[in-house]
Amino acid sequence: MSTPNKPSGLAPLDRQQLSAPLRRLIDFFEHITEQTVADMPSFYAADAYFKDPFNEVNRVEDIQRIFGDMFHQVDKPRFVVHTAFESGQQVFMAWHFLFEMKRFKVGQVQCIKGSSHLLLNQNGQVQSHRDYWDTAEELYEKIPLLGGLMRWLKKQAG
């Protein structure tokens, strides 16, 4: 795996080509802490929709809860946004989610590669946020015992 600070083979994101609201949003995600999750209403509409492989909610308070829970499920969670495109109110971001597992491989940084499709409202707030990432490859295969089973199943299917 590449160093946690700079994913291998990726040029730095040219943030100057992005709108000010998108730069602020990326900065928010890349510096999110358990305390700054409380700032989410500044970035998300009250009735914002959020979906990832494990959650589907329709209120900013629920989105805050999901991101707040992240700090209790893993150690040292952080996002690195390496690609971002916008067209009108549509945004696509590709990112790496870096963290340490609380129970397994202590001290070893794990990386989930994913992307987000966002729809911003007229105020520049996120109205819709959909995350895409492969739970089997990016998460389950990294867990002892379960990971071995997942890799074996993948090999059998291929």
N, C-alpha and C. Protein backbone atom coordinates (compact mmCIF):
# COMPACT_ATOMS: atom_id res chain seq x y z
N MET A 1 0.84 -1.17 0.00
CA MET A 1 0.00 0.00 0.00
C MET A 1 0.89 1.23 0.00
N SER A 2 0.43 2.30 -0.62
CA SER A 2 1.19 3.54 -0.67
C SER A 2 1.15 4.23 0.69
N THR A 3 1.94 5.28 0.80
CA THR A 3 1.92 6.02 2.05
C THR A 3 0.54 6.63 2.27
N PRO A 4 0.09 6.70 3.50
CA PRO A 4 -1.24 7.19 3.78
C PRO A 4 -1.47 8.63 3.36
N ASN A 5 -0.43 9.44 3.29
CA ASN A 5 -0.61 10.86 2.98
C ASN A 5 -0.79 11.13 1.49
N LYS A 6 -0.27 10.28 0.63
CA LYS A 6 -0.37 10.53 -0.79
C LYS A 6 -0.59 9.21 -1.52
N PRO A 7 -1.80 8.96 -1.99
CA PRO A 7 -2.05 7.73 -2.73
C PRO A 7 -1.13 7.65 -3.95
N SER A 8 -0.59 6.47 -4.22
CA SER A 8 0.37 6.31 -5.30
C SER A 8 -0.26 6.57 -6.66
N GLY A 9 0.54 7.15 -7.55
CA GLY A 9 0.14 7.34 -8.92
C GLY A 9 -0.88 8.44 -9.15
N LEU A 10 -1.19 9.23 -8.16
CA LEU A 10 -2.20 10.26 -8.31
C LEU A 10 -1.57 11.64 -8.20
N ALA A 11 -1.90 12.50 -9.17
CA ALA A 11 -1.44 13.88 -9.10
C ALA A 11 -2.26 14.61 -8.04
N PRO A 12 -1.69 15.63 -7.43
CA PRO A 12 -2.46 16.39 -6.45
C PRO A 12 -3.69 17.03 -7.10
N LEU A 13 -4.75 17.10 -6.35
CA LEU A 13 -5.99 17.71 -6.82
C LEU A 13 -5.78 19.22 -6.97
N ASP A 14 -6.08 19.76 -8.15
CA ASP A 14 -5.98 21.20 -8.40
C ASP A 14 -7.25 21.86 -7.90
N ARG A 15 -7.23 22.28 -6.66
CA ARG A 15 -8.42 22.83 -6.02
C ARG A 15 -8.82 24.19 -6.59
N GLN A 16 -7.90 24.89 -7.19
CA GLN A 16 -8.23 26.22 -7.73
C GLN A 16 -9.21 26.13 -8.89
N GLN A 17 -9.33 24.96 -9.52
CA GLN A 17 -10.27 24.78 -10.62
C GLN A 17 -11.69 24.50 -10.13
N LEU A 18 -11.85 24.37 -8.82
CA LEU A 18 -13.15 24.02 -8.23
C LEU A 18 -13.83 25.26 -7.66
N SER A 19 -15.14 25.20 -7.55
CA SER A 19 -15.89 26.31 -6.96
C SER A 19 -15.56 26.44 -5.48
N ALA A 20 -15.79 27.62 -4.93
CA ALA A 20 -15.53 27.87 -3.51
C ALA A 20 -16.34 26.93 -2.61
N PRO A 21 -17.65 26.70 -2.88
CA PRO A 21 -18.39 25.76 -2.01
C PRO A 21 -17.81 24.35 -2.03
N LEU A 22 -17.35 23.90 -3.20
CA LEU A 22 -16.78 22.55 -3.27
C LEU A 22 -15.43 22.50 -2.56
N ARG A 23 -14.63 23.52 -2.69
CA ARG A 23 -13.35 23.55 -1.96
C ARG A 23 -13.59 23.51 -0.45
N ARG A 24 -14.59 24.26 0.03
CA ARG A 24 -14.92 24.25 1.46
C ARG A 24 -15.37 22.86 1.90
N LEU A 25 -16.20 22.21 1.08
CA LEU A 25 -16.70 20.87 1.41
C LEU A 25 -15.56 19.85 1.46
N ILE A 26 -14.67 19.89 0.49
CA ILE A 26 -13.53 18.97 0.48
C ILE A 26 -12.66 19.22 1.71
N ASP A 27 -12.42 20.47 2.04
CA ASP A 27 -11.63 20.81 3.23
C ASP A 27 -12.30 20.27 4.50
N PHE A 28 -13.63 20.41 4.55
CA PHE A 28 -14.38 19.88 5.69
C PHE A 28 -14.15 18.38 5.84
N PHE A 29 -14.30 17.62 4.74
CA PHE A 29 -14.13 16.17 4.82
C PHE A 29 -12.69 15.77 5.12
N GLU A 30 -11.73 16.46 4.56
CA GLU A 30 -10.34 16.09 4.79
C GLU A 30 -9.85 16.43 6.19
N HIS A 31 -10.57 17.29 6.90
CA HIS A 31 -10.17 17.68 8.25
C HIS A 31 -11.25 17.36 9.29
N ILE A 32 -12.17 16.47 8.94
CA ILE A 32 -13.27 16.15 9.85
C ILE A 32 -12.74 15.50 11.13
N THR A 33 -13.33 15.92 12.23
CA THR A 33 -13.03 15.33 13.54
C THR A 33 -14.36 15.02 14.21
N GLU A 34 -14.29 14.32 15.31
CA GLU A 34 -15.52 14.02 16.04
C GLU A 34 -16.23 15.32 16.45
N GLN A 35 -15.47 16.36 16.70
CA GLN A 35 -16.06 17.64 17.10
C GLN A 35 -16.64 18.40 15.90
N THR A 36 -15.96 18.38 14.75
CA THR A 36 -16.43 19.16 13.60
C THR A 36 -17.62 18.52 12.88
N VAL A 37 -17.96 17.30 13.23
CA VAL A 37 -19.18 16.68 12.68
C VAL A 37 -20.38 17.58 13.00
N ALA A 38 -20.30 18.31 14.10
CA ALA A 38 -21.38 19.22 14.49
C ALA A 38 -21.58 20.35 13.48
N ASP A 39 -20.58 20.61 12.63
CA ASP A 39 -20.67 21.66 11.61
C ASP A 39 -21.38 21.20 10.35
N MET A 40 -21.79 19.96 10.30
CA MET A 40 -22.40 19.41 9.08
C MET A 40 -23.59 20.22 8.57
N PRO A 41 -24.45 20.80 9.43
CA PRO A 41 -25.56 21.60 8.90
C PRO A 41 -25.12 22.82 8.08
N SER A 42 -23.88 23.22 8.22
CA SER A 42 -23.36 24.30 7.37
C SER A 42 -23.11 23.83 5.94
N PHE A 43 -22.95 22.52 5.77
CA PHE A 43 -22.59 21.95 4.47
C PHE A 43 -23.73 21.15 3.84
N TYR A 44 -24.68 20.68 4.65
CA TYR A 44 -25.77 19.82 4.17
C TYR A 44 -27.12 20.49 4.43
N ALA A 45 -28.04 20.32 3.49
CA ALA A 45 -29.42 20.79 3.68
C ALA A 45 -30.06 19.99 4.81
N ALA A 46 -31.04 20.57 5.48
CA ALA A 46 -31.71 19.91 6.61
C ALA A 46 -32.31 18.56 6.19
N ASP A 47 -32.84 18.48 4.97
CA ASP A 47 -33.47 17.24 4.49
C ASP A 47 -32.58 16.49 3.50
N ALA A 48 -31.27 16.62 3.67
CA ALA A 48 -30.32 15.98 2.76
C ALA A 48 -30.47 14.46 2.78
N TYR A 49 -30.29 13.87 1.61
CA TYR A 49 -30.32 12.42 1.42
C TYR A 49 -28.89 11.91 1.42
N PHE A 50 -28.65 10.78 2.12
CA PHE A 50 -27.33 10.16 2.15
C PHE A 50 -27.49 8.65 2.02
N LYS A 51 -26.66 8.05 1.17
CA LYS A 51 -26.67 6.59 1.02
C LYS A 51 -25.24 6.12 0.81
N ASP A 52 -24.88 5.07 1.54
CA ASP A 52 -23.63 4.35 1.33
C ASP A 52 -23.96 2.86 1.43
N PRO A 53 -22.98 1.96 1.34
CA PRO A 53 -23.32 0.53 1.38
C PRO A 53 -24.03 0.06 2.65
N PHE A 54 -24.01 0.86 3.73
CA PHE A 54 -24.61 0.42 4.99
C PHE A 54 -25.74 1.31 5.50
N ASN A 55 -25.93 2.48 4.92
CA ASN A 55 -26.88 3.45 5.46
C ASN A 55 -27.68 4.10 4.35
N GLU A 56 -28.89 4.52 4.70
CA GLU A 56 -29.71 5.34 3.81
C GLU A 56 -30.60 6.20 4.70
N VAL A 57 -30.35 7.51 4.69
CA VAL A 57 -31.07 8.43 5.56
C VAL A 57 -31.46 9.70 4.80
N ASN A 58 -32.38 10.49 5.41
CA ASN A 58 -32.90 11.68 4.75
C ASN A 58 -32.90 12.93 5.63
N ARG A 59 -32.01 13.00 6.60
CA ARG A 59 -31.93 14.17 7.47
C ARG A 59 -30.47 14.43 7.84
N VAL A 60 -30.11 15.69 7.92
CA VAL A 60 -28.73 16.03 8.26
C VAL A 60 -28.35 15.48 9.63
N GLU A 61 -29.29 15.42 10.57
CA GLU A 61 -28.97 14.86 11.90
C GLU A 61 -28.56 13.40 11.80
N ASP A 62 -29.20 12.66 10.90
CA ASP A 62 -28.84 11.25 10.72
C ASP A 62 -27.47 11.11 10.04
N ILE A 63 -27.18 12.01 9.12
CA ILE A 63 -25.87 11.99 8.46
C ILE A 63 -24.79 12.30 9.51
N GLN A 64 -25.05 13.27 10.38
CA GLN A 64 -24.11 13.58 11.46
C GLN A 64 -23.87 12.35 12.34
N ARG A 65 -24.92 11.64 12.66
CA ARG A 65 -24.79 10.44 13.50
C ARG A 65 -23.89 9.41 12.82
N ILE A 66 -24.09 9.20 11.52
CA ILE A 66 -23.28 8.22 10.78
C ILE A 66 -21.80 8.60 10.83
N PHE A 67 -21.51 9.87 10.54
CA PHE A 67 -20.11 10.30 10.55
C PHE A 67 -19.56 10.34 11.98
N GLY A 68 -20.39 10.67 12.96
CA GLY A 68 -19.95 10.64 14.35
C GLY A 68 -19.61 9.22 14.79
N ASP A 69 -20.45 8.25 14.39
CA ASP A 69 -20.21 6.85 14.74
C ASP A 69 -18.89 6.34 14.16
N MET A 70 -18.48 6.89 13.03
CA MET A 70 -17.23 6.48 12.39
C MET A 70 -16.06 6.59 13.38
N PHE A 71 -16.08 7.61 14.23
CA PHE A 71 -14.99 7.82 15.17
C PHE A 71 -15.00 6.81 16.31
N HIS A 72 -16.11 6.08 16.48
CA HIS A 72 -16.21 5.05 17.51
C HIS A 72 -15.96 3.65 16.93
N GLN A 73 -16.05 3.53 15.62
CA GLN A 73 -15.88 2.23 14.96
C GLN A 73 -14.44 1.98 14.54
N VAL A 74 -13.71 3.04 14.18
CA VAL A 74 -12.33 2.90 13.74
C VAL A 74 -11.47 3.97 14.41
N ASP A 75 -10.16 3.76 14.40
CA ASP A 75 -9.23 4.74 14.94
C ASP A 75 -8.66 5.61 13.83
N LYS A 76 -8.44 6.86 14.12
CA LYS A 76 -7.77 7.82 13.24
C LYS A 76 -8.39 7.87 11.83
N PRO A 77 -9.71 7.99 11.73
CA PRO A 77 -10.31 8.05 10.39
C PRO A 77 -10.03 9.38 9.70
N ARG A 78 -9.76 9.32 8.40
CA ARG A 78 -9.61 10.55 7.63
C ARG A 78 -9.81 10.26 6.15
N PHE A 79 -10.20 11.29 5.43
CA PHE A 79 -10.43 11.20 4.00
C PHE A 79 -9.36 11.98 3.25
N VAL A 80 -8.95 11.45 2.10
CA VAL A 80 -8.08 12.17 1.16
C VAL A 80 -8.83 12.20 -0.16
N VAL A 81 -9.26 13.37 -0.58
CA VAL A 81 -9.96 13.53 -1.86
C VAL A 81 -8.89 13.74 -2.92
N HIS A 82 -8.84 12.85 -3.91
CA HIS A 82 -7.79 12.97 -4.93
C HIS A 82 -8.33 13.36 -6.31
N THR A 83 -9.66 13.31 -6.48
CA THR A 83 -10.26 13.69 -7.75
C THR A 83 -11.59 14.36 -7.45
N ALA A 84 -11.87 15.45 -8.15
CA ALA A 84 -13.17 16.10 -8.00
C ALA A 84 -13.52 16.79 -9.31
N PHE A 85 -14.76 16.60 -9.74
CA PHE A 85 -15.30 17.25 -10.93
C PHE A 85 -16.65 17.84 -10.56
N GLU A 86 -16.98 18.95 -11.18
CA GLU A 86 -18.31 19.50 -10.97
C GLU A 86 -18.86 20.02 -12.28
N SER A 87 -20.15 19.88 -12.42
CA SER A 87 -20.86 20.38 -13.59
C SER A 87 -22.19 20.91 -13.07
N GLY A 88 -22.29 22.22 -13.02
CA GLY A 88 -23.48 22.82 -12.43
C GLY A 88 -23.57 22.43 -10.98
N GLN A 89 -24.68 21.80 -10.61
CA GLN A 89 -24.88 21.40 -9.21
C GLN A 89 -24.48 19.95 -8.95
N GLN A 90 -23.98 19.27 -9.97
CA GLN A 90 -23.53 17.88 -9.83
C GLN A 90 -22.05 17.85 -9.49
N VAL A 91 -21.67 17.00 -8.52
CA VAL A 91 -20.28 16.86 -8.11
C VAL A 91 -19.93 15.37 -8.04
N PHE A 92 -18.74 15.04 -8.52
CA PHE A 92 -18.19 13.69 -8.36
C PHE A 92 -16.85 13.84 -7.66
N MET A 93 -16.64 13.04 -6.62
CA MET A 93 -15.35 13.03 -5.91
C MET A 93 -14.89 11.59 -5.76
N ALA A 94 -13.61 11.37 -5.97
CA ALA A 94 -13.00 10.08 -5.66
C ALA A 94 -12.07 10.31 -4.48
N TRP A 95 -12.06 9.35 -3.57
CA TRP A 95 -11.35 9.54 -2.31
C TRP A 95 -10.78 8.24 -1.79
N HIS A 96 -9.88 8.40 -0.83
CA HIS A 96 -9.38 7.29 -0.03
C HIS A 96 -9.78 7.58 1.40
N PHE A 97 -10.35 6.59 2.05
CA PHE A 97 -10.69 6.67 3.47
C PHE A 97 -9.64 5.88 4.22
N LEU A 98 -8.86 6.55 5.04
CA LEU A 98 -7.77 5.92 5.77
C LEU A 98 -8.14 5.81 7.24
N PHE A 99 -7.78 4.68 7.85
CA PHE A 99 -8.14 4.44 9.25
C PHE A 99 -7.32 3.29 9.79
N GLU A 100 -7.39 3.11 11.10
CA GLU A 100 -6.82 1.94 11.76
C GLU A 100 -7.98 1.17 12.37
N MET A 101 -7.91 -0.14 12.33
CA MET A 101 -8.95 -0.98 12.91
C MET A 101 -8.80 -0.99 14.42
N LYS A 102 -9.89 -0.89 15.14
CA LYS A 102 -9.84 -0.90 16.60
C LYS A 102 -9.44 -2.27 17.14
N ARG A 103 -9.82 -3.34 16.45
CA ARG A 103 -9.59 -4.68 17.00
C ARG A 103 -8.52 -5.48 16.25
N PHE A 104 -8.30 -5.17 14.97
CA PHE A 104 -7.41 -5.97 14.16
C PHE A 104 -6.25 -5.13 13.64
N LYS A 105 -5.08 -5.75 13.51
CA LYS A 105 -3.92 -5.11 12.90
C LYS A 105 -3.68 -3.72 13.47
N VAL A 106 -3.59 -3.63 14.76
CA VAL A 106 -3.40 -2.36 15.44
C VAL A 106 -2.17 -1.65 14.90
N GLY A 107 -2.31 -0.37 14.60
CA GLY A 107 -1.20 0.42 14.10
C GLY A 107 -1.03 0.37 12.60
N GLN A 108 -1.74 -0.53 11.93
CA GLN A 108 -1.62 -0.63 10.48
C GLN A 108 -2.74 0.17 9.82
N VAL A 109 -2.36 1.10 8.94
CA VAL A 109 -3.34 1.94 8.26
C VAL A 109 -4.03 1.14 7.18
N GLN A 110 -5.36 1.20 7.19
CA GLN A 110 -6.19 0.56 6.17
C GLN A 110 -6.69 1.64 5.22
N CYS A 111 -7.01 1.25 3.99
CA CYS A 111 -7.46 2.22 3.00
C CYS A 111 -8.66 1.65 2.24
N ILE A 112 -9.74 2.42 2.24
CA ILE A 112 -10.91 2.10 1.43
C ILE A 112 -10.95 3.12 0.30
N LYS A 113 -11.00 2.63 -0.93
CA LYS A 113 -11.07 3.51 -2.10
C LYS A 113 -12.53 3.62 -2.52
N GLY A 114 -13.00 4.85 -2.64
CA GLY A 114 -14.40 5.03 -3.00
C GLY A 114 -14.63 6.33 -3.74
N SER A 115 -15.89 6.58 -4.02
CA SER A 115 -16.27 7.81 -4.70
C SER A 115 -17.63 8.28 -4.18
N SER A 116 -17.91 9.54 -4.42
CA SER A 116 -19.17 10.14 -4.00
C SER A 116 -19.77 10.93 -5.15
N HIS A 117 -21.08 10.81 -5.30
CA HIS A 117 -21.82 11.65 -6.23
C HIS A 117 -22.69 12.56 -5.37
N LEU A 118 -22.53 13.86 -5.54
CA LEU A 118 -23.25 14.84 -4.75
C LEU A 118 -24.12 15.71 -5.65
N LEU A 119 -25.23 16.13 -5.13
CA LEU A 119 -26.08 17.13 -5.78
C LEU A 119 -26.18 18.29 -4.79
N LEU A 120 -25.74 19.48 -5.24
CA LEU A 120 -25.79 20.66 -4.39
C LEU A 120 -27.07 21.43 -4.67
N ASN A 121 -27.62 22.07 -3.63
CA ASN A 121 -28.80 22.90 -3.83
C ASN A 121 -28.38 24.31 -4.25
N GLN A 122 -29.34 25.20 -4.42
CA GLN A 122 -29.04 26.56 -4.87
C GLN A 122 -28.19 27.34 -3.88
N ASN A 123 -28.12 26.90 -2.63
CA ASN A 123 -27.29 27.56 -1.61
C ASN A 123 -25.89 26.96 -1.51
N GLY A 124 -25.59 25.98 -2.38
CA GLY A 124 -24.28 25.33 -2.35
C GLY A 124 -24.17 24.26 -1.29
N GLN A 125 -25.29 23.89 -0.65
CA GLN A 125 -25.29 22.82 0.35
C GLN A 125 -25.57 21.47 -0.34
N VAL A 126 -25.09 20.42 0.27
CA VAL A 126 -25.34 19.08 -0.26
C VAL A 126 -26.80 18.72 -0.02
N GLN A 127 -27.50 18.41 -1.10
CA GLN A 127 -28.89 17.96 -1.03
C GLN A 127 -28.96 16.44 -1.12
N SER A 128 -28.02 15.85 -1.87
CA SER A 128 -27.97 14.41 -2.05
C SER A 128 -26.50 13.97 -2.07
N HIS A 129 -26.19 12.90 -1.35
CA HIS A 129 -24.82 12.38 -1.23
C HIS A 129 -24.89 10.86 -1.32
N ARG A 130 -24.30 10.31 -2.36
CA ARG A 130 -24.30 8.86 -2.56
C ARG A 130 -22.86 8.39 -2.65
N ASP A 131 -22.46 7.50 -1.74
CA ASP A 131 -21.11 6.93 -1.74
C ASP A 131 -21.11 5.57 -2.41
N TYR A 132 -20.05 5.32 -3.17
CA TYR A 132 -19.86 4.05 -3.85
C TYR A 132 -18.51 3.48 -3.47
N TRP A 133 -18.52 2.26 -2.95
CA TRP A 133 -17.29 1.52 -2.71
C TRP A 133 -17.63 0.04 -2.52
N ASP A 134 -16.68 -0.80 -2.83
CA ASP A 134 -16.87 -2.25 -2.81
C ASP A 134 -16.61 -2.78 -1.40
N THR A 135 -17.67 -3.14 -0.69
CA THR A 135 -17.50 -3.59 0.70
C THR A 135 -16.68 -4.87 0.80
N ALA A 136 -16.85 -5.78 -0.17
CA ALA A 136 -16.10 -7.04 -0.12
C ALA A 136 -14.61 -6.78 -0.26
N GLU A 137 -14.23 -6.08 -1.31
CA GLU A 137 -12.81 -5.85 -1.57
C GLU A 137 -12.18 -4.88 -0.58
N GLU A 138 -12.87 -3.83 -0.28
CA GLU A 138 -12.28 -2.76 0.52
C GLU A 138 -12.40 -2.95 2.02
N LEU A 139 -13.29 -3.81 2.48
CA LEU A 139 -13.47 -3.97 3.93
C LEU A 139 -13.40 -5.43 4.36
N TYR A 140 -14.32 -6.26 3.87
CA TYR A 140 -14.42 -7.62 4.37
C TYR A 140 -13.16 -8.44 4.13
N GLU A 141 -12.48 -8.24 2.99
CA GLU A 141 -11.28 -9.02 2.70
C GLU A 141 -10.13 -8.67 3.64
N LYS A 142 -10.24 -7.58 4.37
CA LYS A 142 -9.16 -7.15 5.27
C LYS A 142 -9.34 -7.65 6.69
N ILE A 143 -10.48 -8.27 6.98
CA ILE A 143 -10.76 -8.76 8.32
C ILE A 143 -10.27 -10.21 8.44
N PRO A 144 -9.47 -10.52 9.49
CA PRO A 144 -8.97 -11.89 9.65
C PRO A 144 -10.11 -12.91 9.61
N LEU A 145 -9.85 -14.07 9.10
CA LEU A 145 -10.78 -15.19 8.90
C LEU A 145 -11.82 -14.86 7.83
N LEU A 146 -12.61 -13.83 8.04
CA LEU A 146 -13.60 -13.45 7.04
C LEU A 146 -12.91 -13.06 5.74
N GLY A 147 -11.77 -12.36 5.85
CA GLY A 147 -11.02 -11.95 4.66
C GLY A 147 -10.56 -13.14 3.85
N GLY A 148 -10.06 -14.17 4.53
CA GLY A 148 -9.62 -15.38 3.83
C GLY A 148 -10.78 -16.05 3.10
N LEU A 149 -11.92 -16.11 3.76
CA LEU A 149 -13.11 -16.69 3.13
C LEU A 149 -13.54 -15.87 1.92
N MET A 150 -13.56 -14.55 2.04
CA MET A 150 -13.97 -13.68 0.94
C MET A 150 -13.02 -13.83 -0.26
N ARG A 151 -11.71 -13.88 0.00
CA ARG A 151 -10.75 -14.05 -1.09
C ARG A 151 -10.92 -15.41 -1.76
N TRP A 152 -11.17 -16.46 -0.97
CA TRP A 152 -11.39 -17.78 -1.52
C TRP A 152 -12.65 -17.80 -2.40
N LEU A 153 -13.75 -17.20 -1.90
CA LEU A 153 -14.99 -17.14 -2.69
C LEU A 153 -14.77 -16.38 -3.99
N LYS A 154 -14.03 -15.31 -3.92
CA LYS A 154 -13.75 -14.51 -5.11
C LYS A 154 -12.97 -15.33 -6.14
N LYS A 155 -11.99 -16.11 -5.65
CA LYS A 155 -11.19 -16.93 -6.53
C LYS A 155 -12.04 -18.04 -7.16
N GLN A 156 -12.95 -18.62 -6.39
CA GLN A 156 -13.82 -19.67 -6.91
C GLN A 156 -14.77 -19.14 -7.99
N ALA A 157 -15.23 -17.90 -7.80
CA ALA A 157 -16.17 -17.31 -8.77
C ALA A 157 -15.46 -16.90 -10.05
N GLY A 158 -14.16 -16.62 -9.97
CA GLY A 158 -13.42 -16.11 -11.13
C GLY A 158 -12.82 -17.18 -11.91
